[in-house]
PDB file of N, CA and C in Angstrom:
ATOM      1  N   MET A   1      21.641  31.022  15.777  1.00  0.00           N
ATOM      2  CA  MET A   1      21.273  32.750  15.766  1.00  0.00           C
ATOM      3  C   MET A   1      20.318  32.620  16.527  1.00  0.00           C
ATOM      4  N   ASN A   2      19.836  33.674  16.976  1.00  0.00           N
ATOM      5  CA  ASN A   2      18.232  33.489  17.832  1.00  0.00           C
ATOM      6  C   ASN A   2      17.917  35.302  16.803  1.00  0.00           C
ATOM      7  N   THR A   3      16.031  35.016  16.164  1.00  0.00           N
ATOM      8  CA  THR A   3      16.084  36.425  15.921  1.00  0.00           C
ATOM      9  C   THR A   3      14.672  36.358  16.734  1.00  0.00           C
ATOM     10  N   PRO A   4      14.321  37.375  17.217  1.00  0.00           N
ATOM     11  CA  PRO A   4      13.533  37.961  18.015  1.00  0.00           C
ATOM     12  C   PRO A   4      12.135  37.112  17.789  1.00  0.00           C
ATOM     13  N   VAL A   5      11.413  37.159  18.074  1.00  0.00           N
ATOM     14  CA  VAL A   5       9.006  36.804  17.512  1.00  0.00           C
ATOM     15  C   VAL A   5       9.355  37.562  17.756  1.00  0.00           C
ATOM     16  N   ARG A   6       8.468  38.257  16.329  1.00  0.00           N
ATOM     17  CA  ARG A   6       7.822  38.587  15.821  1.00  0.00           C
ATOM     18  C   ARG A   6       6.376  38.792  15.407  1.00  0.00           C
ATOM     19  N   HIS A   7       5.232  39.997  16.486  1.00  0.00           N
ATOM     20  CA  HIS A   7       4.206  39.944  16.348  1.00  0.00           C
ATOM     21  C   HIS A   7       3.289  40.622  15.322  1.00  0.00           C
ATOM     22  N   THR A   8       2.951  39.696  14.356  1.00  0.00           N
ATOM     23  CA  THR A   8       1.704  40.263  13.271  1.00  0.00           C
ATOM     24  C   THR A   8       0.459  40.280  13.307  1.00  0.00           C
ATOM     25  N   ASP A   9      -0.210  39.987  13.558  1.00  0.00           N
ATOM     26  CA  ASP A   9      -1.301  39.516  13.542  1.00  0.00           C
ATOM     27  C   ASP A   9      -2.558  40.542  13.812  1.00  0.00           C
ATOM     28  N   HIS A  10      -1.296  42.113  13.898  1.00  0.00           N
ATOM     29  CA  HIS A  10      -2.291  42.978  13.788  1.00  0.00           C
ATOM     30  C   HIS A  10      -1.974  44.081  11.746  1.00  0.00           C
ATOM     31  N   ILE A  11      -1.744  43.051  11.801  1.00  0.00           N
ATOM     32  CA  ILE A  11      -1.029  43.156  10.247  1.00  0.00           C
ATOM     33  C   ILE A  11      -2.176  42.417   9.207  1.00  0.00           C
ATOM     34  N   GLY A  12      -2.582  43.460   8.605  1.00  0.00           N
ATOM     35  CA  GLY A  12      -3.290  42.755   7.200  1.00  0.00           C
ATOM     36  C   GLY A  12      -2.578  42.207   6.552  1.00  0.00           C
ATOM     37  N   HIS A  13      -3.489  41.073   6.020  1.00  0.00           N
ATOM     38  CA  HIS A  13      -2.771  40.236   4.593  1.00  0.00           C
ATOM     39  C   HIS A  13      -3.557  41.265   3.558  1.00  0.00           C
ATOM     40  N   GLY A  14      -1.660  41.014   2.343  1.00  0.00           N
ATOM     41  CA  GLY A  14      -1.457  41.418   1.619  1.00  0.00           C
ATOM     42  C   GLY A  14      -0.958  43.033   1.866  1.00  0.00           C
ATOM     43  N   SER A  15      -1.247  43.927   2.621  1.00  0.00           N
ATOM     44  CA  SER A  15      -0.879  45.187   2.783  1.00  0.00           C
ATOM     45  C   SER A  15       1.149  45.394   2.484  1.00  0.00           C
ATOM     46  N   ALA A  16       1.416  46.531   2.580  1.00  0.00           N
ATOM     47  CA  ALA A  16       2.518  46.668   2.549  1.00  0.00           C
ATOM     48  C   ALA A  16       3.583  46.390   3.408  1.00  0.00           C
ATOM     49  N   ASP A  17       2.982  46.226   4.647  1.00  0.00           N
ATOM     50  CA  ASP A  17       3.902  46.330   5.917  1.00  0.00           C
ATOM     51  C   ASP A  17       3.786  44.466   6.018  1.00  0.00           C
ATOM     52  N   MET A  18       2.656  43.651   5.178  1.00  0.00           N
ATOM     53  CA  MET A  18       3.319  41.693   5.672  1.00  0.00           C
ATOM     54  C   MET A  18       3.888  42.194   4.303  1.00  0.00           C
ATOM     55  N   LEU A  19       3.508  42.044   3.550  1.00  0.00           N
ATOM     56  CA  LEU A  19       4.598  41.915   2.676  1.00  0.00           C
ATOM     57  C   LEU A  19       6.437  42.250   3.393  1.00  0.00           C
ATOM     58  N   MET A  20       6.552  43.458   3.609  1.00  0.00           N
ATOM     59  CA  MET A  20       7.632  43.626   4.481  1.00  0.00           C
ATOM     60  C   MET A  20       8.819  42.556   5.551  1.00  0.00           C
ATOM     61  N   GLU A  21       7.164  42.391   5.956  1.00  0.00           N
ATOM     62  CA  GLU A  21       7.525  41.526   6.991  1.00  0.00           C
ATOM     63  C   GLU A  21       7.824  39.837   6.251  1.00  0.00           C
ATOM     64  N   CYS A  22       7.360  39.412   5.236  1.00  0.00           N
ATOM     65  CA  CYS A  22       7.688  38.075   4.799  1.00  0.00           C
ATOM     66  C   CYS A  22       9.604  38.675   3.842  1.00  0.00           C
ATOM     67  N   VAL A  23       9.564  39.542   3.973  1.00  0.00           N
ATOM     68  CA  VAL A  23      10.714  39.623   3.204  1.00  0.00           C
ATOM     69  C   VAL A  23      11.903  39.849   3.630  1.00  0.00           C
ATOM     70  N   ALA A  24      11.768  40.377   5.402  1.00  0.00           N
ATOM     71  CA  ALA A  24      12.649  40.560   6.738  1.00  0.00           C
ATOM     72  C   ALA A  24      12.293  38.577   7.335  1.00  0.00           C
ATOM     73  N   GLU A  25      11.148  37.179   7.697  1.00  0.00           N
ATOM     74  CA  GLU A  25      11.736  36.204   7.106  1.00  0.00           C
ATOM     75  C   GLU A  25      12.101  35.805   6.226  1.00  0.00           C
ATOM     76  N   CYS A  26      11.941  35.793   5.339  1.00  0.00           N
ATOM     77  CA  CYS A  26      13.151  35.068   4.004  1.00  0.00           C
ATOM     78  C   CYS A  26      14.787  35.684   4.312  1.00  0.00           C
ATOM     79  N   LEU A  27      14.724  36.494   4.728  1.00  0.00           N
ATOM     80  CA  LEU A  27      15.999  37.189   4.271  1.00  0.00           C
ATOM     81  C   LEU A  27      16.470  36.810   5.768  1.00  0.00           C
ATOM     82  N   ASN A  28      15.482  36.159   7.469  1.00  0.00           N
ATOM     83  CA  ASN A  28      16.696  35.990   8.385  1.00  0.00           C
ATOM     84  C   ASN A  28      17.145  34.397   8.439  1.00  0.00           C
ATOM     85  N   LEU A  29      15.743  34.144   7.249  1.00  0.00           N
ATOM     86  CA  LEU A  29      16.205  32.243   7.255  1.00  0.00           C
ATOM     87  C   LEU A  29      17.720  32.436   5.928  1.00  0.00           C
ATOM     88  N   ALA A  30      17.600  33.162   4.744  1.00  0.00           N
ATOM     89  CA  ALA A  30      18.606  32.957   4.464  1.00  0.00           C
ATOM     90  C   ALA A  30      19.989  33.367   5.141  1.00  0.00           C
ATOM     91  N   ALA A  31      19.818  33.924   6.172  1.00  0.00           N
ATOM     92  CA  ALA A  31      20.739  34.104   6.570  1.00  0.00           C
ATOM     93  C   ALA A  31      21.930  33.281   7.798  1.00  0.00           C
ATOM     94  N   LEU A  32      20.570  32.432   8.267  1.00  0.00           N
ATOM     95  CA  LEU A  32      20.233  31.308   8.992  1.00  0.00           C
ATOM     96  C   LEU A  32      20.909  30.043   7.843  1.00  0.00           C
ATOM     97  N   LYS A  33      20.241  29.974   6.704  1.00  0.00           N
ATOM     98  CA  LYS A  33      21.035  29.175   5.646  1.00  0.00           C
ATOM     99  C   LYS A  33      22.188  28.761   5.041  1.00  0.00           C
ATOM    100  N   ALA A  34      22.608  30.218   5.848  1.00  0.00           N
ATOM    101  CA  ALA A  34      24.091  31.412   4.907  1.00  0.00           C
ATOM    102  C   ALA A  34      25.688  30.764   5.934  1.00  0.00           C
ATOM    103  N   ASP A  35      24.766  30.710   7.033  1.00  0.00           N
ATOM    104  CA  ASP A  35      25.648  29.966   8.618  1.00  0.00           C
ATOM    105  C   ASP A  35      25.638  28.779   8.791  1.00  0.00           C
ATOM    106  N   LEU A  36      24.561  27.654   8.230  1.00  0.00           N
ATOM    107  CA  LEU A  36      24.655  26.798   8.844  1.00  0.00           C
ATOM    108  C   LEU A  36      25.732  25.879   7.217  1.00  0.00           C
ATOM    109  N   ALA A  37      25.901  26.995   5.779  1.00  0.00           N
ATOM    110  CA  ALA A  37      26.586  26.206   4.899  1.00  0.00           C
ATOM    111  C   ALA A  37      27.512  26.367   5.278  1.00  0.00           C
ATOM    112  N   ILE A  38      28.033  27.399   5.981  1.00  0.00           N
ATOM    113  CA  ILE A  38      29.461  28.297   6.167  1.00  0.00           C
ATOM    114  C   ILE A  38      30.280  27.002   7.497  1.00  0.00           C
ATOM    115  N   ARG A  39      29.711  26.414   8.820  1.00  0.00           N
ATOM    116  CA  ARG A  39      29.490  25.574   9.040  1.00  0.00           C
ATOM    117  C   ARG A  39      29.789  24.743   8.221  1.00  0.00           C
ATOM    118  N   CYS A  40      29.080  23.153   7.343  1.00  0.00           N
ATOM    119  CA  CYS A  40      29.155  22.396   6.291  1.00  0.00           C
ATOM    120  C   CYS A  40      30.419  22.293   6.354  1.00  0.00           C
ATOM    121  N   ALA A  41      30.694  23.518   5.426  1.00  0.00           N
ATOM    122  CA  ALA A  41      32.003  23.839   4.978  1.00  0.00           C
ATOM    123  C   ALA A  41      33.347  23.706   5.506  1.00  0.00           C
ATOM    124  N   ASP A  42      32.733  24.020   6.782  1.00  0.00           N
ATOM    125  CA  ASP A  42      34.274  24.219   8.263  1.00  0.00           C
ATOM    126  C   ASP A  42      34.238  22.703   8.583  1.00  0.00           C
ATOM    127  N   ALA A  43      33.053  22.196   8.200  1.00  0.00           N
ATOM    128  CA  ALA A  43      33.378  20.378   9.268  1.00  0.00           C
ATOM    129  C   ALA A  43      33.579  19.518   7.519  1.00  0.00           C
ATOM    130  N   ASN A  44      33.820  19.690   6.498  1.00  0.00           N
ATOM    131  CA  ASN A  44      33.904  19.115   4.960  1.00  0.00           C
ATOM    132  C   ASN A  44      32.879  18.604   4.380  1.00  0.00           C
ATOM    133  N   ASP A  45      31.436  18.753   5.487  1.00  0.00           N
ATOM    134  CA  ASP A  45      30.530  18.116   5.212  1.00  0.00           C
ATOM    135  C   ASP A  45      29.846  18.800   3.709  1.00  0.00           C
ATOM    136  N   ARG A  46      30.207  17.742   2.428  1.00  0.00           N
ATOM    137  CA  ARG A  46      29.578  18.589   1.011  1.00  0.00           C
ATOM    138  C   ARG A  46      28.226  18.389   1.202  1.00  0.00           C
ATOM    139  N   ALA A  47      28.092  17.268   1.459  1.00  0.00           N
ATOM    140  CA  ALA A  47      25.698  17.480   0.979  1.00  0.00           C
ATOM    141  C   ALA A  47      25.521  18.212   2.054  1.00  0.00           C
ATOM    142  N   GLY A  48      25.857  18.148   2.841  1.00  0.00           N
ATOM    143  CA  GLY A  48      24.820  19.360   4.099  1.00  0.00           C
ATOM    144  C   GLY A  48      25.391  21.001   3.568  1.00  0.00           C
ATOM    145  N   LEU A  49      26.451  20.927   3.328  1.00  0.00           N
ATOM    146  CA  LEU A  49      27.025  22.510   2.360  1.00  0.00           C
ATOM    147  C   LEU A  49      26.100  22.231   1.537  1.00  0.00           C
ATOM    148  N   ASN A  50      26.086  21.507   0.430  1.00  0.00           N
ATOM    149  CA  ASN A  50      25.625  21.851  -1.060  1.00  0.00           C
ATOM    150  C   ASN A  50      23.478  21.563  -0.387  1.00  0.00           C
ATOM    151  N   TYR A  51      23.446  21.251   0.526  1.00  0.00           N
ATOM    152  CA  TYR A  51      21.890  21.249   1.062  1.00  0.00           C
ATOM    153  C   TYR A  51      21.796  23.030   1.019  1.00  0.00           C
ATOM    154  N   HIS A  52      21.871  23.495   2.511  1.00  0.00           N
ATOM    155  CA  HIS A  52      22.206  24.897   3.003  1.00  0.00           C
ATOM    156  C   HIS A  52      22.023  25.787   1.874  1.00  0.00           C
ATOM    157  N   ALA A  53      23.002  25.680   1.865  1.00  0.00           N
ATOM    158  CA  ALA A  53      23.687  26.774   0.213  1.00  0.00           C
ATOM    159  C   ALA A  53      21.987  26.613  -0.520  1.00  0.00           C
ATOM    160  N   ARG A  54      21.960  25.094  -0.896  1.00  0.00           N
ATOM    161  CA  ARG A  54      20.386  25.738  -2.140  1.00  0.00           C
ATOM    162  C   ARG A  54      19.150  26.369  -1.506  1.00  0.00           C
ATOM    163  N   GLN A  55      18.987  26.113   0.002  1.00  0.00           N
ATOM    164  CA  GLN A  55      17.982  26.443   0.561  1.00  0.00           C
ATOM    165  C   GLN A  55      18.271  27.581   1.252  1.00  0.00           C
ATOM    166  N   GLY A  56      19.025  27.830   1.088  1.00  0.00           N
ATOM    167  CA  GLY A  56      19.379  29.617   2.196  1.00  0.00           C
ATOM    168  C   GLY A  56      19.135  30.621   0.246  1.00  0.00           C
ATOM    169  N   ALA A  57      19.302  29.801  -1.134  1.00  0.00           N
ATOM    170  CA  ALA A  57      19.054  31.326  -2.018  1.00  0.00           C
ATOM    171  C   ALA A  57      18.048  31.087  -2.631  1.00  0.00           C
ATOM    172  N   ALA A  58      17.789  29.595  -2.501  1.00  0.00           N
ATOM    173  CA  ALA A  58      15.395  30.240  -2.870  1.00  0.00           C
ATOM    174  C   ALA A  58      15.202  30.541  -1.803  1.00  0.00           C
ATOM    175  N   ALA A  59      15.472  31.081  -0.490  1.00  0.00           N
ATOM    176  CA  ALA A  59      14.786  31.860   0.444  1.00  0.00           C
ATOM    177  C   ALA A  59      15.274  33.812  -0.046  1.00  0.00           C
ATOM    178  N   TYR A  60      16.321  33.155  -0.479  1.00  0.00           N
ATOM    179  CA  TYR A  60      17.011  34.649  -0.859  1.00  0.00           C
ATOM    180  C   TYR A  60      16.767  34.702  -2.325  1.00  0.00           C
ATOM    181  N   GLU A  61      15.547  34.223  -3.199  1.00  0.00           N
ATOM    182  CA  GLU A  61      15.541  34.502  -3.814  1.00  0.00           C
ATOM    183  C   GLU A  61      13.666  34.420  -4.572  1.00  0.00           C
ATOM    184  N   GLN A  62      13.056  34.084  -2.886  1.00  0.00           N
ATOM    185  CA  GLN A  62      11.819  33.933  -2.659  1.00  0.00           C
ATOM    186  C   GLN A  62      11.954  35.869  -1.850  1.00  0.00           C
ATOM    187  N   ALA A  63      12.825  36.462  -0.893  1.00  0.00           N
ATOM    188  CA  ALA A  63      12.341  37.588  -0.834  1.00  0.00           C
ATOM    189  C   ALA A  63      12.516  38.995  -2.007  1.00  0.00           C
ATOM    190  N   LEU A  64      13.588  38.103  -3.041  1.00  0.00           N
ATOM    191  CA  LEU A  64      13.393  38.852  -3.885  1.00  0.00           C
ATOM    192  C   LEU A  64      12.367  39.347  -4.531  1.00  0.00           C
ATOM    193  N   GLY A  65      11.594  38.011  -4.876  1.00  0.00           N
ATOM    194  CA  GLY A  65      10.728  37.790  -5.698  1.00  0.00           C
ATOM    195  C   GLY A  65       9.456  39.426  -4.859  1.00  0.00           C
ATOM    196  N   ILE A  66       9.588  38.969  -3.345  1.00  0.00           N
ATOM    197  CA  ILE A  66       8.591  39.417  -3.216  1.00  0.00           C
ATOM    198  C   ILE A  66       9.027  41.079  -2.734  1.00  0.00           C
ATOM    199  N   LEU A  67       9.694  41.033  -2.772  1.00  0.00           N
ATOM    200  CA  LEU A  67      10.718  42.971  -2.813  1.00  0.00           C
ATOM    201  C   LEU A  67      10.407  43.065  -4.276  1.00  0.00           C
ATOM    202  N   LYS A  68      10.315  42.602  -5.099  1.00  0.00           N
ATOM    203  CA  LYS A  68       9.353  42.796  -6.812  1.00  0.00           C
ATOM    204  C   LYS A  68       8.261  43.084  -6.805  1.00  0.00           C
ATOM    205  N   MET A  69       7.353  42.031  -5.499  1.00  0.00           N
ATOM    206  CA  MET A  69       6.238  42.788  -6.188  1.00  0.00           C
ATOM    207  C   MET A  69       5.506  43.949  -5.365  1.00  0.00           C
ATOM    208  N   LEU A  70       6.798  43.561  -3.924  1.00  0.00           N
ATOM    209  CA  LEU A  70       6.747  45.597  -3.234  1.00  0.00           C
ATOM    210  C   LEU A  70       7.048  46.502  -3.866  1.00  0.00           C
ATOM    211  N   ASN A  71       7.263  46.662  -5.111  1.00  0.00           N
ATOM    212  CA  ASN A  71       8.653  47.681  -5.655  1.00  0.00           C
ATOM    213  C   ASN A  71       6.829  47.987  -7.216  1.00  0.00           C
ATOM    214  N   GLU A  72       6.517  46.278  -7.478  1.00  0.00           N
ATOM    215  CA  GLU A  72       5.464  47.009  -8.421  1.00  0.00           C
ATOM    216  C   GLU A  72       4.385  47.532  -8.156  1.00  0.00           C
ATOM    217  N   ARG A  73       3.954  47.478  -6.316  1.00  0.00           N
ATOM    218  CA  ARG A  73       2.097  47.509  -5.782  1.00  0.00           C
ATOM    219  C   ARG A  73       3.031  49.535  -5.934  1.00  0.00           C
ATOM    220  N   ARG A  74       3.730  49.577  -5.383  1.00  0.00           N
ATOM    221  CA  ARG A  74       4.723  50.935  -4.617  1.00  0.00           C
ATOM    222  C   ARG A  74       4.484  52.017  -6.301  1.00  0.00           C
ATOM    223  N   ALA A  75       4.773  51.388  -7.298  1.00  0.00           N
ATOM    224  CA  ALA A  75       4.981  51.968  -8.435  1.00  0.00           C
ATOM    225  C   ALA A  75       3.263  52.350  -9.494  1.00  0.00           C
ATOM    226  N   SER A  76       2.769  51.236  -8.585  1.00  0.00           N
ATOM    227  CA  SER A  76       1.346  51.212  -9.675  1.00  0.00           C
ATOM    228  C   SER A  76      -0.113  52.743  -8.625  1.00  0.00           C
ATOM    229  N   GLU A  77       0.754  52.066  -6.964  1.00  0.00           N
ATOM    230  CA  GLU A  77      -0.293  52.950  -6.329  1.00  0.00           C
ATOM    231  C   GLU A  77       0.687  54.891  -6.758  1.00  0.00           C
ATOM    232  N   ARG A  78       1.627  55.163  -7.200  1.00  0.00           N
ATOM    233  CA  ARG A  78       2.273  56.270  -7.374  1.00  0.00           C
ATOM    234  C   ARG A  78       1.570  56.794  -8.523  1.00  0.00           C
ATOM    235  N   SER A  79       1.576  55.473  -9.164  1.00  0.00           N
ATOM    236  CA  SER A  79       0.660  56.115 -10.862  1.00  0.00           C
ATOM    237  C   SER A  79      -0.871  56.504 -10.714  1.00  0.00           C
ATOM    238  N   ARG A  80      -0.905  56.011  -9.659  1.00  0.00           N
ATOM    239  CA  ARG A  80      -2.381  56.402  -9.803  1.00  0.00           C
ATOM    240  C   ARG A  80      -3.137  56.925  -8.998  1.00  0.00           C
ATOM    241  N   GLU A  81      -1.876  57.429  -7.638  1.00  0.00           N
ATOM    242  CA  GLU A  81      -2.224  58.895  -6.768  1.00  0.00           C
ATOM    243  C   GLU A  81      -1.209  59.613  -8.529  1.00  0.00           C
ATOM    244  N   GLY A  82      -0.776  59.609  -8.805  1.00  0.00           N
ATOM    245  CA  GLY A  82      -0.367  60.871 -10.443  1.00  0.00           C
ATOM    246  C   GLY A  82      -2.007  61.420 -11.247  1.00  0.00           C
ATOM    247  N   ALA A  83      -2.776  60.262 -11.336  1.00  0.00           N
ATOM    248  CA  ALA A  83      -3.932  59.924 -12.306  1.00  0.00           C
ATOM    249  C   ALA A  83      -4.800  60.759 -11.696  1.00  0.00           C
ATOM    250  N   ALA A  84      -4.732  60.903 -10.808  1.00  0.00           N
ATOM    251  CA  ALA A  84      -5.997  61.908  -9.284  1.00  0.00           C
ATOM    252  C   ALA A  84      -6.126  63.117  -9.515  1.00  0.00           C
TER     253      ALA A  84
END
C-alpha cells in the first residue's frame, strides 16, 4: 500500500486542519496494519496476525480519539459564536 507523501509544513500545530491530517495518518496506518493482518491470516501466522490486528486496532482507536477532540473543538467554537 503506497500512500502519497503529505506535506503539512504549512499547517499550524493544534489547528483543525492538523487534527484532520492526524486522523488521516492514523487511518492510513490502521488500513496498512489490517492488510498485514490479512496476509498473516492467509499464511496461518498467528503471532503476526495477533500483532498486526492489535496495532491496527490501536491506530483506529487513536483516530477515533482525535475525531472526538475535533468534534469537541468544533462544538465549543459554535457555542462561542452563538454567545457572541
